Amino acid sequence: MPTNTAKQNAPRGAHGLGQRLRDAVERRCKQGDCKVNDLCQQIGIARQTLNVHELGRQIPKADLIERYAEVLGVNKAWLAFGEGRMRS
């Protein structure tokens, strides 16, 4: 039976944060006022860095989570821990 090694090797808690990050990016871009590459530029990261975080391969540091929340317009506690509402 095949296994998902990315999931097995990801840091604990990375998958939930990655999914929330992906949801926030998708929601922001569906509003029609941005593209993913534009968001990455505003955040100050490479598109590849966002991909790594969305896939749960690495957990971003607290200051980057804050920057994600600020640029994406979401609640920092929701993004980091899944607590509270998406929008603050």
Protein backbone atom coordinates (compact mmCIF):
# COMPACT_ATOMS: atom_id res chain seq x y z
CA MET A 1 0.00 0.00 0.00
CA PRO A 2 1.54 3.39 -1.00
CA THR A 3 2.22 5.94 1.69
CA ASN A 4 2.36 9.70 1.60
CA THR A 5 5.92 10.45 2.70
CA ALA A 6 5.39 14.23 2.61
CA LYS A 7 2.68 13.84 5.25
CA GLN A 8 4.82 11.47 7.32
CA ASN A 9 7.84 13.81 7.26
CA ALA A 10 5.99 17.09 7.83
CA PRO A 11 6.32 18.90 11.17
CA ARG A 12 3.46 18.36 13.60
CA GLY A 13 0.66 20.87 12.98
CA ALA A 14 1.92 21.82 9.54
CA HIS A 15 -0.98 20.32 7.57
CA GLY A 16 -3.72 22.28 9.34
CA LEU A 17 -1.82 25.53 9.00
CA GLY A 18 -1.03 24.75 5.37
CA GLN A 19 -4.68 24.14 4.55
CA ARG A 20 -5.75 27.36 6.31
CA LEU A 21 -3.06 29.28 4.45
CA ARG A 22 -4.21 27.79 1.14
CA ASP A 23 -7.84 28.71 1.97
CA ALA A 24 -6.87 32.29 2.84
CA VAL A 25 -4.84 32.74 -0.35
CA GLU A 26 -7.62 31.28 -2.47
CA ARG A 27 -10.24 33.47 -0.83
CA ARG A 28 -8.14 36.61 -1.26
CA CYS A 29 -7.45 35.86 -4.93
CA LYS A 30 -11.09 35.02 -5.66
CA GLN A 31 -11.92 38.60 -4.67
CA GLY A 32 -10.24 39.46 -7.95
CA ASP A 33 -7.85 42.02 -6.58
CA CYS A 34 -4.65 39.99 -6.71
CA LYS A 35 -2.64 37.12 -8.09
CA VAL A 36 -0.65 34.66 -5.99
CA ASN A 37 2.67 36.05 -7.23
CA ASP A 38 1.54 39.56 -6.22
CA LEU A 39 0.71 38.29 -2.72
CA CYS A 40 4.12 36.67 -2.42
CA GLN A 41 5.75 39.92 -3.40
CA GLN A 42 3.72 41.84 -0.79
CA ILE A 43 4.65 39.29 1.87
CA GLY A 44 8.28 39.34 0.80
CA ILE A 45 8.69 35.66 -0.03
CA ALA A 46 9.25 33.50 -3.10
CA ARG A 47 6.30 31.59 -4.57
CA GLN A 48 8.18 28.39 -3.75
CA THR A 49 8.21 29.34 -0.05
CA LEU A 50 4.43 29.73 -0.07
CA ASN A 51 4.10 26.32 -1.76
CA VAL A 52 6.25 24.67 0.93
CA HIS A 53 4.10 26.20 3.67
CA GLU A 54 0.81 25.34 1.94
CA LEU A 55 1.89 21.73 1.51
CA GLY A 56 2.82 21.49 5.19
CA ARG A 57 6.45 20.65 4.50
CA GLN A 58 7.62 23.44 6.76
CA ILE A 59 5.95 25.60 9.40
CA PRO A 60 6.61 29.31 8.91
CA LYS A 61 8.14 31.25 11.80
CA ALA A 62 5.86 33.45 13.91
CA ASP A 63 6.87 36.70 12.21
CA LEU A 64 6.02 35.26 8.79
CA ILE A 65 2.67 33.95 10.05
CA GLU A 66 1.94 37.50 11.21
CA ARG A 67 2.88 38.85 7.79
CA TYR A 68 0.71 36.25 6.05
CA ALA A 69 -2.24 37.20 8.26
CA GLU A 70 -1.71 40.91 7.67
CA VAL A 71 -1.46 40.69 3.87
CA LEU A 72 -4.22 38.08 3.54
CA GLY A 73 -6.55 39.95 5.91
CA VAL A 74 -7.15 37.05 8.27
CA ASN A 75 -7.02 36.50 12.01
CA LYS A 76 -3.51 35.50 13.12
CA ALA A 77 -4.80 33.01 15.73
CA TRP A 78 -7.03 31.37 13.13
CA LEU A 79 -4.17 31.06 10.66
CA ALA A 80 -1.63 29.76 13.17
CA PHE A 81 -3.82 27.52 15.33
CA GLY A 82 -7.28 27.29 13.78
CA GLU A 83 -8.75 29.26 16.69
CA GLY A 84 -11.51 31.81 16.27
CA ARG A 85 -12.87 33.15 13.02
CA MET A 86 -10.99 33.44 9.75
CA ARG A 87 -11.59 37.18 9.57
CA SER A 88 -10.84 39.31 12.60
